[in-house]
Amino acid sequence: MPVSLAGLTEIYGRHWEIMDSAGGGWIAVRRHGVAGSALARGLSNVRCAETLSELAGYLAKEAELEQRPPRFAGTSAVVVPSPRRSSSRG
């Protein structure tokens, strides 16, 4: 199924402004930029592509990355032991 500007705008237009590039191709710019930590997770504020189909793939990947919980480098699960009850009565 061919990808159209109207179709991409309908799906992604709430978060992205999609336009043709002066030099050819297409550009999607986030309406609200993402923070540095999100950029480190692979999200982008601007995506460029030669075709609308290619841009659709990039925006789908962005949407997928947005749904993943952030992973913090150098951290691991912390297990907190439950309080021990004293068996001696004093």
PDB file of N, CA and C in Angstrom:
ATOM      1  N   MET A   1       0.848  -1.180   0.000  1.00  0.00           N
ATOM      2  CA  MET A   1       0.000   0.000   0.000  1.00  0.00           C
ATOM      3  C   MET A   1       0.895   1.246   0.000  1.00  0.00           C
ATOM      4  N   PRO A   2       0.668   2.165  -0.924  1.00  0.00           N
ATOM      5  CA  PRO A   2       1.489   3.370  -0.989  1.00  0.00           C
ATOM      6  C   PRO A   2       1.303   4.254   0.245  1.00  0.00           C
ATOM      7  N   VAL A   3       2.381   4.893   0.632  1.00  0.00           N
ATOM      8  CA  VAL A   3       2.359   5.798   1.778  1.00  0.00           C
ATOM      9  C   VAL A   3       2.132   7.213   1.257  1.00  0.00           C
ATOM     10  N   SER A   4       1.232   7.944   1.912  1.00  0.00           N
ATOM     11  CA  SER A   4       0.967   9.327   1.514  1.00  0.00           C
ATOM     12  C   SER A   4       1.302  10.274   2.660  1.00  0.00           C
ATOM     13  N   LEU A   5       1.527  11.528   2.318  1.00  0.00           N
ATOM     14  CA  LEU A   5       1.777  12.545   3.335  1.00  0.00           C
ATOM     15  C   LEU A   5       0.577  12.650   4.274  1.00  0.00           C
ATOM     16  N   ALA A   6      -0.624  12.613   3.717  1.00  0.00           N
ATOM     17  CA  ALA A   6      -1.832  12.685   4.543  1.00  0.00           C
ATOM     18  C   ALA A   6      -1.913  11.498   5.502  1.00  0.00           C
ATOM     19  N   GLY A   7      -1.547  10.313   5.020  1.00  0.00           N
ATOM     20  CA  GLY A   7      -1.578   9.123   5.873  1.00  0.00           C
ATOM     21  C   GLY A   7      -0.582   9.205   7.012  1.00  0.00           C
ATOM     22  N   LEU A   8       0.647   9.650   6.708  1.00  0.00           N
ATOM     23  CA  LEU A   8       1.654   9.794   7.765  1.00  0.00           C
ATOM     24  C   LEU A   8       1.246  10.862   8.770  1.00  0.00           C
ATOM     25  N   THR A   9       0.694  11.954   8.266  1.00  0.00           N
ATOM     26  CA  THR A   9       0.262  13.030   9.155  1.00  0.00           C
ATOM     27  C   THR A   9      -0.856  12.556  10.069  1.00  0.00           C
ATOM     28  N   GLU A  10      -1.745  11.733   9.541  1.00  0.00           N
ATOM     29  CA  GLU A  10      -2.835  11.202  10.361  1.00  0.00           C
ATOM     30  C   GLU A  10      -2.300  10.321  11.489  1.00  0.00           C
ATOM     31  N   ILE A  11      -1.301   9.511  11.182  1.00  0.00           N
ATOM     32  CA  ILE A  11      -0.756   8.579  12.175  1.00  0.00           C
ATOM     33  C   ILE A  11       0.197   9.266  13.146  1.00  0.00           C
ATOM     34  N   TYR A  12       1.117  10.079  12.622  1.00  0.00           N
ATOM     35  CA  TYR A  12       2.206  10.620  13.442  1.00  0.00           C
ATOM     36  C   TYR A  12       2.138  12.133  13.656  1.00  0.00           C
ATOM     37  N   GLY A  13       1.170  12.793  13.064  1.00  0.00           N
ATOM     38  CA  GLY A  13       1.116  14.251  13.086  1.00  0.00           C
ATOM     39  C   GLY A  13       0.961  14.888  14.453  1.00  0.00           C
ATOM     40  N   ARG A  14       0.494  14.142  15.408  1.00  0.00           N
ATOM     41  CA  ARG A  14       0.358  14.705  16.764  1.00  0.00           C
ATOM     42  C   ARG A  14       1.732  14.997  17.376  1.00  0.00           C
ATOM     43  N   HIS A  15       2.717  14.164  17.052  1.00  0.00           N
ATOM     44  CA  HIS A  15       4.051  14.302  17.638  1.00  0.00           C
ATOM     45  C   HIS A  15       5.101  14.806  16.650  1.00  0.00           C
ATOM     46  N   TRP A  16       4.814  14.715  15.371  1.00  0.00           N
ATOM     47  CA  TRP A  16       5.794  15.067  14.344  1.00  0.00           C
ATOM     48  C   TRP A  16       5.192  16.026  13.331  1.00  0.00           C
ATOM     49  N   GLU A  17       5.991  17.002  12.886  1.00  0.00           N
ATOM     50  CA  GLU A  17       5.623  17.829  11.743  1.00  0.00           C
ATOM     51  C   GLU A  17       6.366  17.240  10.546  1.00  0.00           C
ATOM     52  N   ILE A  18       5.636  16.859   9.525  1.00  0.00           N
ATOM     53  CA  ILE A  18       6.215  16.172   8.371  1.00  0.00           C
ATOM     54  C   ILE A  18       6.130  17.098   7.160  1.00  0.00           C
ATOM     55  N   MET A  19       7.264  17.255   6.458  1.00  0.00           N
ATOM     56  CA  MET A  19       7.302  18.175   5.315  1.00  0.00           C
ATOM     57  C   MET A  19       8.293  17.684   4.272  1.00  0.00           C
ATOM     58  N   ASP A  20       8.151  18.215   3.067  1.00  0.00           N
ATOM     59  CA  ASP A  20       9.132  17.884   2.039  1.00  0.00           C
ATOM     60  C   ASP A  20      10.372  18.744   2.246  1.00  0.00           C
ATOM     61  N   SER A  21      11.501  18.201   1.849  1.00  0.00           N
ATOM     62  CA  SER A  21      12.781  18.881   2.016  1.00  0.00           C
ATOM     63  C   SER A  21      13.096  19.698   0.766  1.00  0.00           C
ATOM     64  N   ALA A  22      13.688  20.859   0.955  1.00  0.00           N
ATOM     65  CA  ALA A  22      14.044  21.715  -0.180  1.00  0.00           C
ATOM     66  C   ALA A  22      15.022  21.011  -1.118  1.00  0.00           C
ATOM     67  N   GLY A  23      15.867  20.151  -0.576  1.00  0.00           N
ATOM     68  CA  GLY A  23      16.851  19.437  -1.385  1.00  0.00           C
ATOM     69  C   GLY A  23      16.347  18.110  -1.922  1.00  0.00           C
ATOM     70  N   GLY A  24      15.084  17.816  -1.714  1.00  0.00           N
ATOM     71  CA  GLY A  24      14.513  16.531  -2.109  1.00  0.00           C
ATOM     72  C   GLY A  24      14.342  15.642  -0.894  1.00  0.00           C
ATOM     73  N   GLY A  25      13.411  14.757  -0.949  1.00  0.00           N
ATOM     74  CA  GLY A  25      13.146  13.865   0.177  1.00  0.00           C
ATOM     75  C   GLY A  25      12.163  14.476   1.164  1.00  0.00           C
ATOM     76  N   TRP A  26      12.172  13.921   2.373  1.00  0.00           N
ATOM     77  CA  TRP A  26      11.184  14.274   3.392  1.00  0.00           C
ATOM     78  C   TRP A  26      11.846  14.439   4.749  1.00  0.00           C
ATOM     79  N   ILE A  27      11.248  15.291   5.580  1.00  0.00           N
ATOM     80  CA  ILE A  27      11.759  15.572   6.922  1.00  0.00           C
ATOM     81  C   ILE A  27      10.607  15.454   7.912  1.00  0.00           C
ATOM     82  N   ALA A  28      10.887  14.858   9.059  1.00  0.00           N
ATOM     83  CA  ALA A  28       9.942  14.848  10.184  1.00  0.00           C
ATOM     84  C   ALA A  28      10.662  15.477  11.373  1.00  0.00           C
ATOM     85  N   VAL A  29      10.025  16.487  11.972  1.00  0.00           N
ATOM     86  CA  VAL A  29      10.594  17.197  13.119  1.00  0.00           C
ATOM     87  C   VAL A  29       9.633  17.034  14.287  1.00  0.00           C
ATOM     88  N   ARG A  30      10.155  16.618  15.436  1.00  0.00           N
ATOM     89  CA  ARG A  30       9.297  16.473  16.621  1.00  0.00           C
ATOM     90  C   ARG A  30       8.702  17.819  17.008  1.00  0.00           C
ATOM     91  N   ARG A  31       7.435  17.797  17.350  1.00  0.00           N
ATOM     92  CA  ARG A  31       6.777  19.026  17.801  1.00  0.00           C
ATOM     93  C   ARG A  31       7.303  19.450  19.170  1.00  0.00           C
ATOM     94  N   HIS A  32       7.685  18.488  19.986  1.00  0.00           N
ATOM     95  CA  HIS A  32       8.275  18.745  21.309  1.00  0.00           C
ATOM     96  C   HIS A  32       9.525  17.882  21.395  1.00  0.00           C
ATOM     97  N   GLY A  33      10.681  18.517  21.454  1.00  0.00           N
ATOM     98  CA  GLY A  33      11.939  17.780  21.471  1.00  0.00           C
ATOM     99  C   GLY A  33      12.044  16.827  22.648  1.00  0.00           C
ATOM    100  N   VAL A  34      12.805  15.775  22.458  1.00  0.00           N
ATOM    101  CA  VAL A  34      13.022  14.809  23.532  1.00  0.00           C
ATOM    102  C   VAL A  34      14.301  15.163  24.284  1.00  0.00           C
ATOM    103  N   ALA A  35      14.372  14.760  25.526  1.00  0.00           N
ATOM    104  CA  ALA A  35      15.514  15.052  26.397  1.00  0.00           C
ATOM    105  C   ALA A  35      16.736  14.230  26.001  1.00  0.00           C
ATOM    106  N   GLY A  36      17.873  14.635  26.549  1.00  0.00           N
ATOM    107  CA  GLY A  36      19.131  13.948  26.271  1.00  0.00           C
ATOM    108  C   GLY A  36      19.100  12.474  26.603  1.00  0.00           C
ATOM    109  N   SER A  37      18.418  12.107  27.690  1.00  0.00           N
ATOM    110  CA  SER A  37      18.348  10.690  28.063  1.00  0.00           C
ATOM    111  C   SER A  37      17.575   9.892  27.017  1.00  0.00           C
ATOM    112  N   ALA A  38      16.556  10.497  26.425  1.00  0.00           N
ATOM    113  CA  ALA A  38      15.800   9.817  25.372  1.00  0.00           C
ATOM    114  C   ALA A  38      16.631   9.718  24.095  1.00  0.00           C
ATOM    115  N   LEU A  39      17.416  10.747  23.827  1.00  0.00           N
ATOM    116  CA  LEU A  39      18.310  10.693  22.665  1.00  0.00           C
ATOM    117  C   LEU A  39      19.316   9.565  22.833  1.00  0.00           C
ATOM    118  N   ALA A  40      19.793   9.376  24.062  1.00  0.00           N
ATOM    119  CA  ALA A  40      20.749   8.301  24.343  1.00  0.00           C
ATOM    120  C   ALA A  40      20.115   6.924  24.135  1.00  0.00           C
ATOM    121  N   ARG A  41      18.791   6.835  24.276  1.00  0.00           N
ATOM    122  CA  ARG A  41      18.079   5.567  24.051  1.00  0.00           C
ATOM    123  C   ARG A  41      17.801   5.318  22.579  1.00  0.00           C
ATOM    124  N   GLY A  42      18.172   6.272  21.719  1.00  0.00           N
ATOM    125  CA  GLY A  42      17.987   6.072  20.292  1.00  0.00           C
ATOM    126  C   GLY A  42      16.883   6.894  19.663  1.00  0.00           C
ATOM    127  N   LEU A  43      16.158   7.678  20.473  1.00  0.00           N
ATOM    128  CA  LEU A  43      15.115   8.529  19.911  1.00  0.00           C
ATOM    129  C   LEU A  43      15.747   9.720  19.201  1.00  0.00           C
ATOM    130  N   SER A  44      15.012  10.317  18.279  1.00  0.00           N
ATOM    131  CA  SER A  44      15.513  11.440  17.488  1.00  0.00           C
ATOM    132  C   SER A  44      14.544  12.608  17.564  1.00  0.00           C
ATOM    133  N   ASN A  45      15.063  13.799  17.348  1.00  0.00           N
ATOM    134  CA  ASN A  45      14.217  14.982  17.226  1.00  0.00           C
ATOM    135  C   ASN A  45      13.910  15.292  15.767  1.00  0.00           C
ATOM    136  N   VAL A  46      14.750  14.812  14.856  1.00  0.00           N
ATOM    137  CA  VAL A  46      14.578  15.029  13.421  1.00  0.00           C
ATOM    138  C   VAL A  46      14.885  13.723  12.697  1.00  0.00           C
ATOM    139  N   ARG A  47      14.042  13.378  11.726  1.00  0.00           N
ATOM    140  CA  ARG A  47      14.301  12.209  10.869  1.00  0.00           C
ATOM    141  C   ARG A  47      14.187  12.657   9.414  1.00  0.00           C
ATOM    142  N   CYS A  48      15.104  12.208   8.587  1.00  0.00           N
ATOM    143  CA  CYS A  48      15.105  12.533   7.158  1.00  0.00           C
ATOM    144  C   CYS A  48      15.074  11.241   6.354  1.00  0.00           C
ATOM    145  N   ALA A  49      14.434  11.308   5.192  1.00  0.00           N
ATOM    146  CA  ALA A  49      14.362  10.131   4.331  1.00  0.00           C
ATOM    147  C   ALA A  49      14.177  10.564   2.885  1.00  0.00           C
ATOM    148  N   GLU A  50      14.558   9.682   1.971  1.00  0.00           N
ATOM    149  CA  GLU A  50      14.382   9.974   0.546  1.00  0.00           C
ATOM    150  C   GLU A  50      12.931   9.817   0.114  1.00  0.00           C
ATOM    151  N   THR A  51      12.216   8.864   0.742  1.00  0.00           N
ATOM    152  CA  THR A  51      10.830   8.595   0.350  1.00  0.00           C
ATOM    153  C   THR A  51       9.924   8.605   1.577  1.00  0.00           C
ATOM    154  N   LEU A  52       8.634   8.755   1.332  1.00  0.00           N
ATOM    155  CA  LEU A  52       7.672   8.685   2.433  1.00  0.00           C
ATOM    156  C   LEU A  52       7.642   7.291   3.048  1.00  0.00           C
ATOM    157  N   SER A  53       7.841   6.267   2.239  1.00  0.00           N
ATOM    158  CA  SER A  53       7.867   4.897   2.770  1.00  0.00           C
ATOM    159  C   SER A  53       9.024   4.719   3.745  1.00  0.00           C
ATOM    160  N   GLU A  54      10.184   5.237   3.380  1.00  0.00           N
ATOM    161  CA  GLU A  54      11.347   5.158   4.260  1.00  0.00           C
ATOM    162  C   GLU A  54      11.090   5.944   5.549  1.00  0.00           C
ATOM    163  N   LEU A  55      10.505   7.127   5.423  1.00  0.00           N
ATOM    164  CA  LEU A  55      10.197   7.944   6.599  1.00  0.00           C
ATOM    165  C   LEU A  55       9.184   7.242   7.495  1.00  0.00           C
ATOM    166  N   ALA A  56       8.206   6.576   6.899  1.00  0.00           N
ATOM    167  CA  ALA A  56       7.213   5.829   7.677  1.00  0.00           C
ATOM    168  C   ALA A  56       7.890   4.766   8.531  1.00  0.00           C
ATOM    169  N   GLY A  57       8.883   4.081   7.978  1.00  0.00           N
ATOM    170  CA  GLY A  57       9.624   3.075   8.745  1.00  0.00           C
ATOM    171  C   GLY A  57      10.374   3.691   9.915  1.00  0.00           C
ATOM    172  N   TYR A  58      11.008   4.830   9.678  1.00  0.00           N
ATOM    173  CA  TYR A  58      11.733   5.514  10.757  1.00  0.00           C
ATOM    174  C   TYR A  58      10.783   5.956  11.872  1.00  0.00           C
ATOM    175  N   LEU A  59       9.637   6.506  11.495  1.00  0.00           N
ATOM    176  CA  LEU A  59       8.690   6.984  12.506  1.00  0.00           C
ATOM    177  C   LEU A  59       8.062   5.823  13.276  1.00  0.00           C
ATOM    178  N   ALA A  60       7.853   4.702  12.612  1.00  0.00           N
ATOM    179  CA  ALA A  60       7.349   3.511  13.307  1.00  0.00           C
ATOM    180  C   ALA A  60       8.368   3.041  14.339  1.00  0.00           C
ATOM    181  N   LYS A  61       9.646   3.071  13.979  1.00  0.00           N
ATOM    182  CA  LYS A  61      10.709   2.677  14.911  1.00  0.00           C
ATOM    183  C   LYS A  61      10.772   3.648  16.090  1.00  0.00           C
ATOM    184  N   GLU A  62      10.620   4.935  15.828  1.00  0.00           N
ATOM    185  CA  GLU A  62      10.597   5.935  16.904  1.00  0.00           C
ATOM    186  C   GLU A  62       9.447   5.634  17.876  1.00  0.00           C
ATOM    187  N   ALA A  63       8.273   5.341  17.328  1.00  0.00           N
ATOM    188  CA  ALA A  63       7.112   5.035  18.173  1.00  0.00           C
ATOM    189  C   ALA A  63       7.373   3.794  19.015  1.00  0.00           C
ATOM    190  N   GLU A  64       8.034   2.802  18.430  1.00  0.00           N
ATOM    191  CA  GLU A  64       8.372   1.580  19.169  1.00  0.00           C
ATOM    192  C   GLU A  64       9.346   1.891  20.312  1.00  0.00           C
ATOM    193  N   LEU A  65      10.356   2.684  20.041  1.00  0.00           N
ATOM    194  CA  LEU A  65      11.333   3.045  21.079  1.00  0.00           C
ATOM    195  C   LEU A  65      10.693   3.848  22.208  1.00  0.00           C
ATOM    196  N   GLU A  66       9.716   4.684  21.870  1.00  0.00           N
ATOM    197  CA  GLU A  66       9.026   5.480  22.889  1.00  0.00           C
ATOM    198  C   GLU A  66       8.280   4.591  23.875  1.00  0.00           C
ATOM    199  N   GLN A  67       7.817   3.442  23.417  1.00  0.00           N
ATOM    200  CA  GLN A  67       7.036   2.546  24.268  1.00  0.00           C
ATOM    201  C   GLN A  67       7.900   1.718  25.209  1.00  0.00           C
ATOM    202  N   ARG A  68       9.178   1.581  24.894  1.00  0.00           N
ATOM    203  CA  ARG A  68      10.074   0.786  25.743  1.00  0.00           C
ATOM    204  C   ARG A  68      10.436   1.564  26.995  1.00  0.00           C
ATOM    205  N   PRO A  69      10.471   0.875  28.137  1.00  0.00           N
ATOM    206  CA  PRO A  69      10.904   1.566  29.358  1.00  0.00           C
ATOM    207  C   PRO A  69      12.383   1.910  29.262  1.00  0.00           C
ATOM    208  N   PRO A  70      12.782   3.049  29.832  1.00  0.00           N
ATOM    209  CA  PRO A  70      14.197   3.421  29.772  1.00  0.00           C
ATOM    210  C   PRO A  70      15.068   2.444  30.534  1.00  0.00           C
ATOM    211  N   ARG A  71      16.268   2.219  30.024  1.00  0.00           N
ATOM    212  CA  ARG A  71      17.260   1.376  30.702  1.00  0.00           C
ATOM    213  C   ARG A  71      18.365   2.307  31.160  1.00  0.00           C
ATOM    214  N   PHE A  72      18.696   2.212  32.411  1.00  0.00           N
ATOM    215  CA  PHE A  72      19.718   3.077  32.969  1.00  0.00           C
ATOM    216  C   PHE A  72      21.032   2.327  33.017  1.00  0.00           C
ATOM    217  N   ALA A  73      22.041   2.865  32.383  1.00  0.00           N
ATOM    218  CA  ALA A  73      23.350   2.217  32.304  1.00  0.00           C
ATOM    219  C   ALA A  73      23.958   2.075  33.683  1.00  0.00           C
ATOM    220  N   GLY A  74      24.555   0.920  33.919  1.00  0.00           N
ATOM    221  CA  GLY A  74      25.271   0.702  35.171  1.00  0.00           C
ATOM    222  C   GLY A  74      24.391   0.394  36.363  1.00  0.00           C
ATOM    223  N   THR A  75      23.127   0.144  36.130  1.00  0.00           N
ATOM    224  CA  THR A  75      22.250  -0.188  37.247  1.00  0.00           C
ATOM    225  C   THR A  75      21.756  -1.612  37.087  1.00  0.00           C
ATOM    226  N   SER A  76      21.405  -2.198  38.181  1.00  0.00           N
ATOM    227  CA  SER A  76      20.819  -3.530  38.157  1.00  0.00           C
ATOM    228  C   SER A  76      19.730  -3.571  39.211  1.00  0.00           C
ATOM    229  N   ALA A  77      18.981  -4.626  39.184  1.00  0.00           N
ATOM    230  CA  ALA A  77      17.901  -4.762  40.157  1.00  0.00           C
ATOM    231  C   ALA A  77      18.475  -4.820  41.565  1.00  0.00           C
ATOM    232  N   VAL A  78      17.819  -4.150  42.464  1.00  0.00           N
ATOM    233  CA  VAL A  78      18.241  -4.148  43.865  1.00  0.00           C
ATOM    234  C   VAL A  78      17.234  -4.964  44.647  1.00  0.00           C
ATOM    235  N   VAL A  79      17.721  -5.939  45.385  1.00  0.00           N
ATOM    236  CA  VAL A  79      16.849  -6.775  46.210  1.00  0.00           C
ATOM    237  C   VAL A  79      16.959  -6.286  47.642  1.00  0.00           C
ATOM    238  N   VAL A  80      15.841  -5.890  48.181  1.00  0.00           N
ATOM    239  CA  VAL A  80      15.812  -5.416  49.561  1.00  0.00           C
ATOM    240  C   VAL A  80      15.262  -6.537  50.427  1.00  0.00           C
ATOM    241  N   PRO A  81      16.057  -7.018  51.391  1.00  0.00           N
ATOM    242  CA  PRO A  81      15.564  -8.113  52.234  1.00  0.00           C
ATOM    243  C   PRO A  81      14.419  -7.629  53.116  1.00  0.00           C
ATOM    244  N   SER A  82      13.502  -8.540  53.368  1.00  0.00           N
ATOM    245  CA  SER A  82      12.401  -8.184  54.261  1.00  0.00           C
ATOM    246  C   SER A  82      12.922  -8.165  55.695  1.00  0.00           C
ATOM    247  N   PRO A  83      12.310  -7.359  56.556  1.00  0.00           N
ATOM    248  CA  PRO A  83      12.778  -7.282  57.947  1.00  0.00           C
ATOM    249  C   PRO A  83      12.656  -8.638  58.640  1.00  0.00           C
ATOM    250  N   ARG A  84      13.646  -8.962  59.436  1.00  0.00           N
ATOM    251  CA  ARG A  84      13.616 -10.235  60.173  1.00  0.00           C
ATOM    252  C   ARG A  84      12.934 -10.014  61.513  1.00  0.00           C
ATOM    253  N   ARG A  85      12.156 -10.968  61.856  1.00  0.00           N
ATOM    254  CA  ARG A  85      11.489 -10.903  63.164  1.00  0.00           C
ATOM    255  C   ARG A  85      12.339 -11.625  64.187  1.00  0.00           C
ATOM    256  N   SER A  86      12.467 -11.035  65.296  1.00  0.00           N
ATOM    257  CA  SER A  86      13.245 -11.652  66.369  1.00  0.00           C
ATOM    258  C   SER A  86      12.417 -12.757  67.006  1.00  0.00           C
ATOM    259  N   SER A  87      13.044 -13.929  67.180  1.00  0.00           N
ATOM    260  CA  SER A  87      12.323 -15.050  67.788  1.00  0.00           C
ATOM    261  C   SER A  87      12.430 -15.016  69.308  1.00  0.00           C
ATOM    262  N   SER A  88      13.341 -14.213  69.829  1.00  0.00           N
ATOM    263  CA  SER A  88      13.478 -14.153  71.294  1.00  0.00           C
ATOM    264  C   SER A  88      12.588 -13.055  71.847  1.00  0.00           C
ATOM    265  N   ARG A  89      11.975 -13.344  72.938  1.00  0.00           N
ATOM    266  CA  ARG A  89      11.138 -12.343  73.609  1.00  0.00           C
ATOM    267  C   ARG A  89      11.875 -11.863  74.836  1.00  0.00           C
ATOM    268  N   GLY A  90      11.982 -10.628  74.979  1.00  0.00           N
ATOM    269  CA  GLY A  90      12.804 -10.147  76.055  1.00  0.00           C
ATOM    270  C   GLY A  90      12.176  -9.283  76.957  1.00  0.00           C
TER     271      GLY A  90
END
